[in-house]
Amino acid sequence: MSAAAIRHVFQVVDSFDADAFVRLLAEDATLVFANAEPAVGREAIAAGLREFFATIGGLRHRIVRTWQVGDDNIAETEVTYRRLDGKDVSVPAVSIWRVRGTDGLITDYRIFVDLAPVYAA
């Protein structure tokens, strides 16, 4: 996956469009977000994203550094979340995803982030 393709993944995430994001995924993809239980399949992942998106006002990623090792992509980012009270909170995050070589769809996506500052009083 090229640097441009990695940027595209984050542009789709930042669009706040769960349906657009799951189109990047294989039908049987797995998503693990922070310490949540894994979501398996496009429908479950889209539902989980919609539920999460309802708790924030928006988000944007700034890519700090990326690595590609075979079919695995690793991105260190700074994610700025817009809280529902209108305040912005930035936290570091790492996303790791595997792309299926035959069609370029993501089969496994893992996000490592501490969301406590996003929901702090």
C-alpha atoms as a PDB file:
ATOM      1  CA  MET A   1       0.000   0.000   0.000  1.00  0.00           C
ATOM      2  CA  SER A   2       1.484   3.335  -1.027  1.00  0.00           C
ATOM      3  CA  ALA A   3       1.757   6.440   1.158  1.00  0.00           C
ATOM      4  CA  ALA A   4      -1.062   7.951  -0.924  1.00  0.00           C
ATOM      5  CA  ALA A   5      -3.260   4.921  -0.255  1.00  0.00           C
ATOM      6  CA  ILE A   6      -2.571   5.178   3.477  1.00  0.00           C
ATOM      7  CA  ARG A   7      -3.527   8.869   3.402  1.00  0.00           C
ATOM      8  CA  HIS A   8      -6.709   7.893   1.566  1.00  0.00           C
ATOM      9  CA  VAL A   9      -7.697   5.460   4.345  1.00  0.00           C
ATOM     10  CA  PHE A  10      -7.465   8.281   6.906  1.00  0.00           C
ATOM     11  CA  GLN A  11      -9.314  10.714   4.639  1.00  0.00           C
ATOM     12  CA  VAL A  12     -12.169   8.218   4.484  1.00  0.00           C
ATOM     13  CA  VAL A  13     -12.142   7.763   8.269  1.00  0.00           C
ATOM     14  CA  ASP A  14     -12.109  11.540   8.767  1.00  0.00           C
ATOM     15  CA  SER A  15     -15.109  11.898   6.426  1.00  0.00           C
ATOM     16  CA  PHE A  16     -17.219  10.463   9.265  1.00  0.00           C
ATOM     17  CA  ASP A  17     -18.868   8.099   6.757  1.00  0.00           C
ATOM     18  CA  ALA A  18     -19.010   4.544   8.123  1.00  0.00           C
ATOM     19  CA  ASP A  19     -20.366   3.178   4.834  1.00  0.00           C
ATOM     20  CA  ALA A  20     -17.460   4.654   2.857  1.00  0.00           C
ATOM     21  CA  PHE A  21     -14.982   3.171   5.343  1.00  0.00           C
ATOM     22  CA  VAL A  22     -16.372  -0.360   5.180  1.00  0.00           C
ATOM     23  CA  ARG A  23     -16.092  -0.297   1.384  1.00  0.00           C
ATOM     24  CA  LEU A  24     -12.332  -0.397   2.003  1.00  0.00           C
ATOM     25  CA  LEU A  25     -12.773  -3.677   3.898  1.00  0.00           C
ATOM     26  CA  ALA A  26     -13.152  -7.309   2.931  1.00  0.00           C
ATOM     27  CA  GLU A  27     -16.602  -8.739   3.744  1.00  0.00           C
ATOM     28  CA  ASP A  28     -15.157 -10.778   6.634  1.00  0.00           C
ATOM     29  CA  ALA A  29     -12.761  -8.105   7.934  1.00  0.00           C
ATOM     30  CA  THR A  30     -12.058  -7.664  11.623  1.00  0.00           C
ATOM     31  CA  LEU A  31     -11.762  -4.298  13.381  1.00  0.00           C
ATOM     32  CA  VAL A  32     -10.427  -3.874  16.905  1.00  0.00           C
ATOM     33  CA  PHE A  33     -10.792  -0.313  18.214  1.00  0.00           C
ATOM     34  CA  ALA A  34      -8.881   0.498  21.415  1.00  0.00           C
ATOM     35  CA  ASN A  35     -10.033  -1.906  24.141  1.00  0.00           C
ATOM     36  CA  ALA A  36     -13.405  -2.754  22.537  1.00  0.00           C
ATOM     37  CA  GLU A  37     -14.346  -6.255  21.514  1.00  0.00           C
ATOM     38  CA  PRO A  38     -13.477  -7.111  17.901  1.00  0.00           C
ATOM     39  CA  ALA A  39     -16.124  -6.348  15.286  1.00  0.00           C
ATOM     40  CA  VAL A  40     -16.271  -8.875  12.457  1.00  0.00           C
ATOM     41  CA  GLY A  41     -17.786  -8.199   9.052  1.00  0.00           C
ATOM     42  CA  ARG A  42     -18.711  -5.006   7.258  1.00  0.00           C
ATOM     43  CA  GLU A  43     -22.154  -4.664   8.860  1.00  0.00           C
ATOM     44  CA  ALA A  44     -20.871  -5.060  12.422  1.00  0.00           C
ATOM     45  CA  ILE A  45     -17.981  -2.680  11.772  1.00  0.00           C
ATOM     46  CA  ALA A  46     -20.255  -0.035  10.216  1.00  0.00           C
ATOM     47  CA  ALA A  47     -22.666  -0.314  13.153  1.00  0.00           C
ATOM     48  CA  GLY A  48     -19.820   0.067  15.653  1.00  0.00           C
ATOM     49  CA  LEU A  49     -18.437   3.086  13.808  1.00  0.00           C
ATOM     50  CA  ARG A  50     -21.848   4.767  13.699  1.00  0.00           C
ATOM     51  CA  GLU A  51     -22.220   4.184  17.433  1.00  0.00           C
ATOM     52  CA  PHE A  52     -18.775   5.683  18.069  1.00  0.00           C
ATOM     53  CA  PHE A  53     -19.342   8.615  15.690  1.00  0.00           C
ATOM     54  CA  ALA A  54     -22.509   9.502  17.635  1.00  0.00           C
ATOM     55  CA  THR A  55     -20.334  10.169  20.720  1.00  0.00           C
ATOM     56  CA  ILE A  56     -18.051  12.737  19.041  1.00  0.00           C
ATOM     57  CA  GLY A  57     -18.500  15.756  16.807  1.00  0.00           C
ATOM     58  CA  GLY A  58     -15.748  14.844  14.348  1.00  0.00           C
ATOM     59  CA  LEU A  59     -12.149  13.771  13.979  1.00  0.00           C
ATOM     60  CA  ARG A  60      -9.072  14.320  11.867  1.00  0.00           C
ATOM     61  CA  HIS A  61      -5.808  12.435  11.598  1.00  0.00           C
ATOM     62  CA  ARG A  62      -2.340  13.870  11.174  1.00  0.00           C
ATOM     63  CA  ILE A  63       0.020  11.187   9.963  1.00  0.00           C
ATOM     64  CA  VAL A  64       3.300  11.299  11.855  1.00  0.00           C
ATOM     65  CA  ARG A  65       5.017   8.278  10.317  1.00  0.00           C
ATOM     66  CA  THR A  66       4.131   5.161   8.347  1.00  0.00           C
ATOM     67  CA  TRP A  67       5.694   1.781   7.739  1.00  0.00           C
ATOM     68  CA  GLN A  68       4.810  -0.951   5.275  1.00  0.00           C
ATOM     69  CA  VAL A  69       5.967  -4.528   5.762  1.00  0.00           C
ATOM     70  CA  GLY A  70       4.569  -6.853   3.132  1.00  0.00           C
ATOM     71  CA  ASP A  71       0.776  -6.641   3.368  1.00  0.00           C
ATOM     72  CA  ASP A  72       0.898  -4.885   6.764  1.00  0.00           C
ATOM     73  CA  ASN A  73       0.608  -1.110   7.153  1.00  0.00           C
ATOM     74  CA  ILE A  74       1.431   0.771  10.332  1.00  0.00           C
ATOM     75  CA  ALA A  75       0.611   4.425  10.879  1.00  0.00           C
ATOM     76  CA  GLU A  76       1.533   6.568  13.839  1.00  0.00           C
ATOM     77  CA  THR A  77      -0.918   9.450  13.987  1.00  0.00           C
ATOM     78  CA  GLU A  78      -2.081  12.355  16.068  1.00  0.00           C
ATOM     79  CA  VAL A  79      -5.866  12.254  16.133  1.00  0.00           C
ATOM     80  CA  THR A  80      -7.828  15.365  16.966  1.00  0.00           C
ATOM     81  CA  TYR A  81     -11.330  14.574  18.168  1.00  0.00           C
ATOM     82  CA  ARG A  82     -14.070  17.207  18.266  1.00  0.00           C
ATOM     83  CA  ARG A  83     -15.997  16.549  21.451  1.00  0.00           C
ATOM     84  CA  LEU A  84     -19.744  17.065  21.593  1.00  0.00           C
ATOM     85  CA  ASP A  85     -19.133  20.155  23.742  1.00  0.00           C
ATOM     86  CA  GLY A  86     -17.185  21.674  20.819  1.00  0.00           C
ATOM     87  CA  LYS A  87     -13.730  21.309  22.383  1.00  0.00           C
ATOM     88  CA  ASP A  88     -10.914  19.625  20.471  1.00  0.00           C
ATOM     89  CA  VAL A  89      -8.705  16.981  22.089  1.00  0.00           C
ATOM     90  CA  SER A  90      -5.637  15.492  20.402  1.00  0.00           C
ATOM     91  CA  VAL A  91      -4.221  12.083  21.304  1.00  0.00           C
ATOM     92  CA  PRO A  92      -1.512   9.850  19.827  1.00  0.00           C
ATOM     93  CA  ALA A  93      -2.631   6.664  18.097  1.00  0.00           C
ATOM     94  CA  VAL A  94      -1.255   3.773  16.092  1.00  0.00           C
ATOM     95  CA  SER A  95      -3.266   1.953  13.448  1.00  0.00           C
ATOM     96  CA  ILE A  96      -2.185  -1.341  11.958  1.00  0.00           C
ATOM     97  CA  TRP A  97      -3.975  -2.973   9.065  1.00  0.00           C
ATOM     98  CA  ARG A  98      -3.435  -5.879   6.720  1.00  0.00           C
ATOM     99  CA  VAL A  99      -4.353  -5.634   3.067  1.00  0.00           C
ATOM    100  CA  ARG A 100      -5.296  -8.681   1.031  1.00  0.00           C
ATOM    101  CA  GLY A 101      -2.956  -8.857  -1.934  1.00  0.00           C
ATOM    102  CA  THR A 102      -5.535 -10.126  -4.412  1.00  0.00           C
ATOM    103  CA  ASP A 103      -7.920  -7.167  -4.258  1.00  0.00           C
ATOM    104  CA  GLY A 104      -6.329  -4.585  -1.939  1.00  0.00           C
ATOM    105  CA  LEU A 105      -9.138  -4.786   0.635  1.00  0.00           C
ATOM    106  CA  ILE A 106      -8.342  -4.503   4.324  1.00  0.00           C
ATOM    107  CA  THR A 107      -8.802  -7.794   6.184  1.00  0.00           C
ATOM    108  CA  ASP A 108      -7.694  -6.816   9.690  1.00  0.00           C
ATOM    109  CA  TYR A 109      -7.621  -3.309  11.208  1.00  0.00           C
ATOM    110  CA  ARG A 110      -6.405  -2.513  14.722  1.00  0.00           C
ATOM    111  CA  ILE A 111      -6.415   0.894  16.410  1.00  0.00           C
ATOM    112  CA  PHE A 112      -4.358   1.507  19.536  1.00  0.00           C
ATOM    113  CA  VAL A 113      -5.465   4.694  21.293  1.00  0.00           C
ATOM    114  CA  ASP A 114      -6.389   5.969  24.758  1.00  0.00           C
ATOM    115  CA  LEU A 115      -9.739   7.740  24.443  1.00  0.00           C
ATOM    116  CA  ALA A 116      -9.959   8.793  28.108  1.00  0.00           C
ATOM    117  CA  PRO A 117      -8.998  12.430  27.325  1.00  0.00           C
ATOM    118  CA  VAL A 118     -11.740  12.615  24.691  1.00  0.00           C
ATOM    119  CA  TYR A 119     -14.459  11.819  27.223  1.00  0.00           C
ATOM    120  CA  ALA A 120     -12.911  13.500  30.299  1.00  0.00           C
ATOM    121  CA  ALA A 121     -15.044  16.055  32.138  1.00  0.00           C
END
